[in-house]
Amino acid sequence: MTSLLKRWPLELVRRFRWFRHDPNVAWPTAPAGVFLNPSEADFASYDEARLVLTWTRAAISDPSAWQNSVRAKLRELLGIPPASESTNSLSGVDATTACGLRRQTIYLPRAAHRHVPVTIVWDPTRADGKLPIMLCLQGHTSGAHISWGETRLPIDEKRIEYGDYARQAVRHGHIAVCIEQIAFGECRERALTHRWDHPCIDACNRALLLGRTVLGDRVADVFAVLDWLRSGQPDLPPMDVENIRAMGNSAGAETALFATALDPRIKGVIASGCVGAWRKTSGTRKTCPDTVIPGVLAWIEYNDVLALCAPRHLLVVSGLADHIYPFYLAAKCTEDARPVYAAMGVPDRLRAVSGPSGHRFYPEVAWPAFLSLLKDKTS
């Protein structure tokens, strides 16, 4: 009787799990010393990651030569396709005015059967010459429209409070160029009937089958937009195409950061809610597959991606309570990238700042820090 009473709480747990369809109840606990969880082997392999091109192991003393080697390898791992020869927009939406700002959307052909929605947002009352460009990229939200403050879903009202990147950029003296990302907003999959609820999974799977990655495809979209902006398009507001910056949060910041790392045409970046060693962040918890680059840990860690941005301005932002990229990991990654900035003579062009709460953008923190960072004109 006593033995039955001792077992009864465990039996209740078992029955509750069975009722919840918990698969763990169907298999016994592994014997001591037997490792059956896939993560156990993977985490052990993290400790043995070769990282042969990371700055401290590559044995390449010239930082520019090191960057060239890492960029070539990263492009290969991302599966970035070659640039399209076309930089002409196929069609567009006439400019409109809302809240005093002008907005114009074009659909840029980037590859066969693929267009990139690009929306330019500017203040028509400004007459102070060509303004710098800010590329604005939304992450896992309902789309780029949040950047200019448009509500299309009920949840957008909350996201706009801190995610209206285009309006923020215009207030701080930029012309905003909003890029709709693959699997989000207008580019969310709608043609297939059978698809995952998570917007990125199907796109990631298809890209892998073709030897590409969704992150690489998103970066290629940014490259196409850069080509288009620099090709002297008419009917656009005056903008300084030699002074292009990028910003975003989460998956938007990731694309902005990788595009900056790989393309020197982007002169500065605000990378919010996306920075931390892969082995400590997306490699250890539930996350979107768009953060995964096949084979990357054989070559580099995330701090090396930050270092590819040198000598340009890089601001890292993360919330103290961010559940994916907590500030302490973002700050550690930033400091691990600083030796390359120092080797290029600009250690102060790299900075990490924290927000007080979770996984979101912090305009009240990010903009003062970024504008202060831009004042460093060290040659």
Protein backbone atom coordinates (compact mmCIF):
# COMPACT_ATOMS: atom_id res chain seq x y z
CA MET A 1 0.00 0.00 0.00
CA THR A 2 2.80 2.39 0.92
CA SER A 3 4.61 1.57 -2.31
CA LEU A 4 1.45 2.30 -4.33
CA LEU A 5 1.02 5.65 -2.63
CA LYS A 6 4.60 6.58 -3.48
CA ARG A 7 4.05 5.72 -7.13
CA TRP A 8 0.69 7.47 -7.42
CA PRO A 9 2.03 11.03 -8.05
CA LEU A 10 4.23 9.68 -10.86
CA GLU A 11 1.24 7.82 -12.29
CA LEU A 12 -0.75 11.06 -12.30
CA VAL A 13 2.04 12.77 -14.24
CA ARG A 14 2.16 9.88 -16.71
CA ARG A 15 -1.60 9.96 -17.28
CA PHE A 16 -1.58 13.75 -17.68
CA ARG A 17 1.17 13.50 -20.29
CA TRP A 18 -0.73 10.77 -22.08
CA PHE A 19 -3.81 12.98 -22.13
CA ARG A 20 -1.70 15.84 -23.53
CA HIS A 21 -0.27 13.50 -26.20
CA ASP A 22 3.23 13.98 -24.81
CA PRO A 23 5.49 11.55 -26.73
CA ASN A 24 7.90 11.32 -23.80
CA VAL A 25 5.47 9.02 -22.00
CA ALA A 26 5.76 6.36 -24.71
CA TRP A 27 9.48 5.60 -24.14
CA PRO A 28 11.38 4.68 -20.99
CA THR A 29 14.11 6.83 -19.49
CA ALA A 30 17.47 6.04 -21.07
CA PRO A 31 19.90 3.96 -18.99
CA ALA A 32 22.67 5.87 -17.22
CA GLY A 33 25.49 6.76 -19.60
CA VAL A 34 23.33 6.33 -22.71
CA PHE A 35 22.84 9.49 -24.81
CA LEU A 36 19.81 9.48 -27.10
CA ASN A 37 18.85 13.16 -27.37
CA PRO A 38 20.18 14.61 -30.67
CA SER A 39 21.11 17.83 -28.89
CA GLU A 40 23.58 16.05 -26.62
CA ALA A 41 25.80 15.04 -29.51
CA ASP A 42 25.40 18.40 -31.22
CA PHE A 43 26.31 20.40 -28.12
CA ALA A 44 29.39 18.23 -27.64
CA SER A 45 30.34 18.95 -31.26
CA TYR A 46 30.06 22.69 -30.62
CA ASP A 47 33.09 22.43 -28.36
CA GLU A 48 35.03 20.89 -31.23
CA ALA A 49 33.97 23.42 -33.88
CA ARG A 50 36.98 24.17 -36.05
CA LEU A 51 36.29 27.84 -36.87
CA VAL A 52 39.31 27.78 -39.17
CA LEU A 53 38.67 31.27 -40.58
CA THR A 54 37.79 33.01 -37.33
CA TRP A 55 40.03 36.03 -36.72
CA THR A 56 42.02 34.44 -33.89
CA ARG A 57 42.72 31.20 -35.82
CA ALA A 58 43.01 32.17 -39.46
CA ALA A 59 46.67 33.30 -39.26
CA ILE A 60 45.94 36.17 -41.68
CA SER A 61 47.49 39.28 -40.16
CA ASP A 62 46.07 41.80 -42.64
CA PRO A 63 42.45 42.47 -41.60
CA SER A 64 41.39 43.44 -45.13
CA ALA A 65 42.81 40.23 -46.58
CA TRP A 66 41.08 38.28 -43.80
CA GLN A 67 37.77 39.97 -44.59
CA ASN A 68 38.09 39.07 -48.27
CA SER A 69 38.65 35.41 -47.40
CA VAL A 70 35.74 35.26 -44.97
CA ARG A 71 33.38 37.10 -47.31
CA ALA A 72 34.10 34.64 -50.10
CA LYS A 73 33.45 31.68 -47.81
CA LEU A 74 30.30 33.23 -46.30
CA ARG A 75 28.85 33.93 -49.74
CA GLU A 76 29.46 30.30 -50.63
CA LEU A 77 27.82 28.98 -47.46
CA LEU A 78 24.82 31.27 -47.85
CA GLY A 79 24.40 30.17 -51.45
CA ILE A 80 24.00 33.75 -52.65
CA PRO A 81 23.03 33.62 -56.33
CA PRO A 82 24.78 35.78 -58.93
CA ALA A 83 23.41 39.27 -59.42
CA SER A 84 20.70 39.82 -62.00
CA GLU A 85 21.59 42.04 -64.94
CA SER A 86 18.24 43.85 -64.72
CA THR A 87 17.88 46.84 -62.40
CA ASN A 88 14.69 48.23 -63.92
CA SER A 89 11.46 48.13 -61.96
CA LEU A 90 8.67 46.16 -63.58
CA SER A 91 5.79 48.10 -62.09
CA GLY A 92 5.02 50.46 -59.29
CA VAL A 93 2.42 52.17 -57.16
CA ASP A 94 2.07 55.93 -57.49
CA ALA A 95 3.42 58.00 -54.66
CA THR A 96 0.96 58.83 -51.92
CA THR A 97 1.06 61.17 -48.97
CA ALA A 98 0.26 60.11 -45.41
CA CYS A 99 1.04 61.97 -42.19
CA GLY A 100 3.07 64.47 -44.20
CA LEU A 101 5.36 61.81 -45.75
CA ARG A 102 5.49 60.70 -49.37
CA ARG A 103 5.58 57.03 -50.26
CA GLN A 104 6.24 55.20 -53.52
CA THR A 105 6.41 51.43 -54.09
CA ILE A 106 8.08 49.59 -56.95
CA TYR A 107 8.44 45.87 -57.67
CA LEU A 108 12.04 45.15 -58.57
CA PRO A 109 12.83 42.00 -60.61
CA ARG A 110 15.67 40.13 -58.91
CA ALA A 111 15.51 36.63 -60.43
CA ALA A 112 13.23 34.51 -62.56
CA HIS A 113 9.74 34.61 -61.02
CA ARG A 114 10.95 36.75 -58.11
CA HIS A 115 10.33 40.43 -57.44
CA VAL A 116 11.32 42.53 -54.46
CA PRO A 117 8.74 45.06 -53.17
CA VAL A 118 10.61 48.27 -52.39
CA THR A 119 8.94 51.31 -50.84
CA ILE A 120 10.63 54.72 -50.68
CA VAL A 121 9.46 57.00 -47.85
CA TRP A 122 10.54 60.63 -47.59
CA ASP A 123 9.61 64.06 -46.30
CA PRO A 124 8.67 66.23 -49.32
CA THR A 125 9.11 69.44 -47.31
CA ARG A 126 12.84 68.95 -46.88
CA ALA A 127 14.94 70.85 -49.36
CA ASP A 128 18.41 70.36 -47.92
CA GLY A 129 19.94 68.43 -50.81
CA LYS A 130 20.63 64.74 -51.09
CA LEU A 131 19.91 62.87 -47.87
CA PRO A 132 21.51 59.62 -46.69
CA ILE A 133 19.54 56.42 -47.29
CA MET A 134 18.36 54.05 -44.57
CA LEU A 135 17.43 50.53 -45.66
CA CYS A 136 14.59 49.41 -43.37
CA LEU A 137 13.94 45.69 -42.89
CA GLN A 138 11.15 44.18 -40.82
CA GLY A 139 11.61 40.77 -39.19
CA HIS A 140 8.92 38.28 -38.17
CA THR A 141 6.06 40.75 -38.34
CA SER A 142 3.20 41.20 -40.78
CA GLY A 143 5.41 43.07 -43.20
CA ALA A 144 7.22 46.19 -44.37
CA HIS A 145 4.13 48.39 -44.01
CA ILE A 146 4.83 48.63 -40.29
CA SER A 147 7.91 50.70 -41.16
CA TRP A 148 5.79 53.56 -42.47
CA GLY A 149 3.13 53.16 -39.78
CA GLU A 150 0.36 51.40 -41.68
CA THR A 151 -1.94 48.98 -39.86
CA ARG A 152 -3.13 45.90 -41.75
CA LEU A 153 -3.58 43.46 -38.86
CA PRO A 154 -4.78 44.19 -35.31
CA ILE A 155 -1.36 43.39 -33.83
CA ASP A 156 0.30 45.99 -36.07
CA GLU A 157 -0.87 48.80 -33.79
CA LYS A 158 1.44 47.53 -31.05
CA ARG A 159 4.35 46.82 -33.39
CA ILE A 160 4.21 50.30 -34.89
CA GLU A 161 4.93 51.81 -31.47
CA TYR A 162 8.61 50.92 -31.80
CA GLY A 163 8.91 49.31 -35.26
CA ASP A 164 8.04 52.21 -37.59
CA TYR A 165 11.62 52.29 -38.88
CA ALA A 166 10.89 54.41 -41.96
CA ARG A 167 9.21 57.17 -39.97
CA GLN A 168 12.04 57.06 -37.44
CA ALA A 169 14.67 57.23 -40.18
CA VAL A 170 12.97 60.19 -41.88
CA ARG A 171 12.76 62.04 -38.56
CA HIS A 172 16.51 61.53 -38.20
CA GLY A 173 17.40 62.98 -41.58
CA HIS A 174 17.22 59.98 -43.94
CA ILE A 175 15.28 58.83 -46.94
CA ALA A 176 13.88 55.42 -46.01
CA VAL A 177 14.01 52.48 -48.40
CA CYS A 178 11.80 49.68 -47.07
CA ILE A 179 12.46 46.18 -48.43
CA GLU A 180 9.83 43.46 -48.05
CA GLN A 181 11.60 40.26 -47.01
CA ILE A 182 11.05 36.79 -48.42
CA ALA A 183 8.29 34.97 -46.46
CA PHE A 184 6.97 38.17 -44.83
CA GLY A 185 4.21 40.61 -45.74
CA GLU A 186 3.52 40.74 -49.47
CA CYS A 187 6.16 38.03 -49.94
CA ARG A 188 4.51 35.57 -47.56
CA GLU A 189 3.61 32.29 -49.28
CA ARG A 190 -0.01 32.32 -50.48
CA ALA A 191 0.08 30.09 -53.56
CA LEU A 192 0.51 26.76 -51.72
CA THR A 193 -2.37 25.12 -49.89
CA HIS A 194 -0.27 22.80 -47.71
CA ARG A 195 2.31 24.84 -45.85
CA TRP A 196 3.72 25.38 -42.38
CA ASP A 197 2.12 28.00 -40.16
CA HIS A 198 5.58 29.47 -39.55
CA PRO A 199 6.20 31.65 -42.63
CA CYS A 200 9.87 30.76 -43.14
CA ILE A 201 9.99 26.96 -42.92
CA ASP A 202 8.77 26.11 -46.42
CA ALA A 203 10.98 28.75 -48.01
CA CYS A 204 14.01 27.52 -46.03
CA ASN A 205 13.42 23.91 -47.05
CA ARG A 206 13.11 24.76 -50.74
CA ALA A 207 16.19 26.96 -50.65
CA LEU A 208 18.25 24.15 -49.09
CA LEU A 209 17.12 21.75 -51.82
CA LEU A 210 18.51 24.22 -54.34
CA GLY A 211 21.80 24.76 -52.52
CA ARG A 212 20.78 28.17 -51.17
CA THR A 213 19.53 29.64 -47.90
CA VAL A 214 16.67 32.04 -47.23
CA LEU A 215 19.11 34.38 -45.50
CA GLY A 216 21.29 34.34 -48.61
CA ASP A 217 18.27 35.05 -50.82
CA ARG A 218 17.24 37.95 -48.58
CA VAL A 219 20.74 39.39 -48.72
CA ALA A 220 20.69 39.02 -52.51
CA ASP A 221 17.47 41.06 -52.52
CA VAL A 222 19.29 43.84 -50.67
CA PHE A 223 22.14 43.71 -53.19
CA ALA A 224 19.62 44.07 -56.04
CA VAL A 225 18.11 47.12 -54.34
CA LEU A 226 21.57 48.65 -53.94
CA ASP A 227 22.26 48.10 -57.65
CA TRP A 228 18.93 49.70 -58.51
CA LEU A 229 19.42 52.72 -56.25
CA ARG A 230 22.89 53.37 -57.67
CA SER A 231 21.79 53.03 -61.29
CA GLY A 232 20.40 56.55 -61.42
CA GLN A 233 16.68 55.86 -61.35
CA PRO A 234 14.49 58.84 -62.32
CA ASP A 235 11.40 60.00 -60.47
CA LEU A 236 12.91 59.40 -57.04
CA PRO A 237 13.64 62.04 -54.40
CA PRO A 238 17.24 63.32 -54.20
CA MET A 239 19.26 60.83 -52.20
CA ASP A 240 22.92 60.26 -51.41
CA VAL A 241 23.65 56.82 -52.89
CA GLU A 242 27.20 56.98 -51.52
CA ASN A 243 25.85 57.15 -47.97
CA ILE A 244 23.64 54.10 -47.42
CA ARG A 245 22.88 52.62 -44.00
CA ALA A 246 20.70 49.70 -42.88
CA MET A 247 18.59 48.81 -39.85
CA GLY A 248 16.11 46.30 -38.50
CA ASN A 249 15.25 44.02 -35.62
CA SER A 250 15.52 40.22 -35.35
CA ALA A 251 15.33 38.67 -38.86
CA GLY A 252 15.29 42.17 -40.34
CA ALA A 253 18.48 43.13 -38.52
CA GLU A 254 20.07 39.82 -39.47
CA THR A 255 19.59 40.56 -43.16
CA ALA A 256 20.77 44.15 -42.67
CA LEU A 257 23.86 42.94 -40.80
CA PHE A 258 24.84 40.22 -43.28
CA ALA A 259 24.29 42.55 -46.23
CA THR A 260 26.55 45.12 -44.55
CA ALA A 261 29.16 42.49 -43.74
CA LEU A 262 29.28 41.36 -47.37
CA ASP A 263 28.82 44.66 -49.24
CA PRO A 264 30.95 47.75 -48.47
CA ARG A 265 28.39 49.95 -50.23
CA ILE A 266 26.48 49.97 -46.92
CA LYS A 267 28.30 52.41 -44.64
CA GLY A 268 26.67 51.67 -41.29
CA VAL A 269 24.14 49.38 -39.64
CA ILE A 270 21.89 49.14 -36.59
CA ALA A 271 21.68 45.42 -35.77
CA SER A 272 18.99 44.92 -33.14
CA GLY A 273 17.91 41.63 -31.56
CA CYS A 274 20.04 39.36 -33.73
CA VAL A 275 23.56 39.24 -32.28
CA GLY A 276 25.07 36.40 -30.27
CA ALA A 277 27.30 33.40 -30.86
CA TRP A 278 25.41 30.75 -32.83
CA ARG A 279 26.45 28.12 -30.28
CA LYS A 280 24.83 30.16 -27.49
CA THR A 281 21.69 31.48 -29.23
CA SER A 282 19.93 29.94 -32.23
CA GLY A 283 21.99 26.76 -31.85
CA THR A 284 20.60 26.05 -28.39
CA ARG A 285 16.90 26.94 -28.46
CA LYS A 286 13.74 26.93 -30.58
CA THR A 287 14.26 29.48 -33.33
CA CYS A 288 13.53 30.16 -36.98
CA PRO A 289 15.49 28.08 -39.54
CA ASP A 290 16.37 31.27 -41.41
CA THR A 291 19.19 31.74 -38.87
CA VAL A 292 20.87 28.48 -39.94
CA ILE A 293 23.82 28.52 -42.35
CA PRO A 294 24.92 24.97 -43.24
CA GLY A 295 28.49 24.25 -42.18
CA VAL A 296 29.22 27.72 -40.84
CA LEU A 297 30.82 26.53 -37.57
CA ALA A 298 33.58 24.85 -39.52
CA TRP A 299 34.70 28.33 -40.51
CA ILE A 300 33.53 31.24 -38.35
CA GLU A 301 31.42 32.35 -35.39
CA TYR A 302 28.98 35.25 -35.27
CA ASN A 303 31.55 37.76 -34.01
CA ASP A 304 33.37 37.33 -37.32
CA VAL A 305 30.26 38.54 -39.16
CA LEU A 306 30.37 41.71 -37.05
CA ALA A 307 34.07 42.08 -37.82
CA LEU A 308 33.37 42.02 -41.56
CA CYS A 309 31.59 45.37 -41.09
CA ALA A 310 34.85 47.11 -40.09
CA PRO A 311 35.82 49.89 -40.56
CA ARG A 312 32.18 50.98 -40.97
CA HIS A 313 29.84 52.00 -38.15
CA LEU A 314 28.05 49.16 -36.36
CA LEU A 315 25.61 49.52 -33.48
CA VAL A 316 24.44 46.34 -31.74
CA VAL A 317 21.20 46.60 -29.74
CA SER A 318 19.59 43.97 -27.55
CA GLY A 319 17.16 43.78 -24.67
CA LEU A 320 18.37 42.77 -21.23
CA ALA A 321 15.54 40.22 -21.13
CA ASP A 322 15.63 39.21 -24.80
CA HIS A 323 14.80 35.48 -24.77
CA ILE A 324 16.78 34.73 -27.95
CA TYR A 325 19.60 37.29 -28.00
CA PRO A 326 20.05 38.59 -24.45
CA PHE A 327 22.25 41.63 -24.12
CA TYR A 328 25.05 39.86 -22.27
CA LEU A 329 25.59 37.55 -25.25
CA ALA A 330 25.29 40.42 -27.73
CA ALA A 331 27.84 42.45 -25.75
CA LYS A 332 30.25 39.48 -25.59
CA CYS A 333 29.97 38.96 -29.36
CA THR A 334 30.58 42.66 -29.95
CA GLU A 335 33.73 42.66 -27.83
CA ASP A 336 34.99 39.55 -29.64
CA ALA A 337 34.74 41.52 -32.91
CA ARG A 338 36.54 44.60 -31.60
CA PRO A 339 40.10 43.34 -32.28
CA VAL A 340 39.44 43.53 -36.03
CA TYR A 341 38.08 47.06 -35.66
CA ALA A 342 41.19 47.90 -33.63
CA ALA A 343 43.46 46.35 -36.27
CA MET A 344 41.83 48.69 -38.81
CA GLY A 345 42.35 51.69 -36.53
CA VAL A 346 38.68 52.32 -35.67
CA PRO A 347 37.91 50.52 -32.38
CA ASP A 348 35.26 53.11 -31.43
CA ARG A 349 33.08 52.56 -34.51
CA LEU A 350 31.63 49.44 -32.89
CA ARG A 351 29.27 49.67 -29.91
CA ALA A 352 26.64 47.61 -28.07
CA VAL A 353 23.75 49.17 -26.14
CA SER A 354 20.92 47.56 -24.19
CA GLY A 355 17.18 48.00 -23.98
CA PRO A 356 15.34 47.46 -20.70
CA SER A 357 13.10 44.51 -21.65
CA GLY A 358 12.61 41.83 -24.30
CA HIS A 359 12.96 41.01 -27.99
CA ARG A 360 12.11 44.26 -29.77
CA PHE A 361 13.60 47.43 -31.19
CA TYR A 362 14.44 50.30 -28.82
CA PRO A 363 14.33 53.57 -30.79
CA GLU A 364 14.89 55.69 -27.70
CA VAL A 365 18.19 53.89 -27.13
CA ALA A 366 19.29 53.02 -30.65
CA TRP A 367 19.02 56.34 -32.44
CA PRO A 368 21.02 58.53 -30.04
CA ALA A 369 23.73 55.86 -29.89
CA PHE A 370 23.88 55.42 -33.67
CA LEU A 371 23.96 59.13 -34.42
CA SER A 372 26.73 59.53 -31.86
CA LEU A 373 28.60 56.65 -33.48
CA LEU A 374 28.39 58.34 -36.89
CA LYS A 375 30.28 61.35 -35.54
CA ASP A 376 33.46 59.23 -35.52
CA LYS A 377 35.11 60.28 -38.78
CA THR A 378 38.42 58.53 -38.11
CA SER A 379 40.04 57.77 -41.44
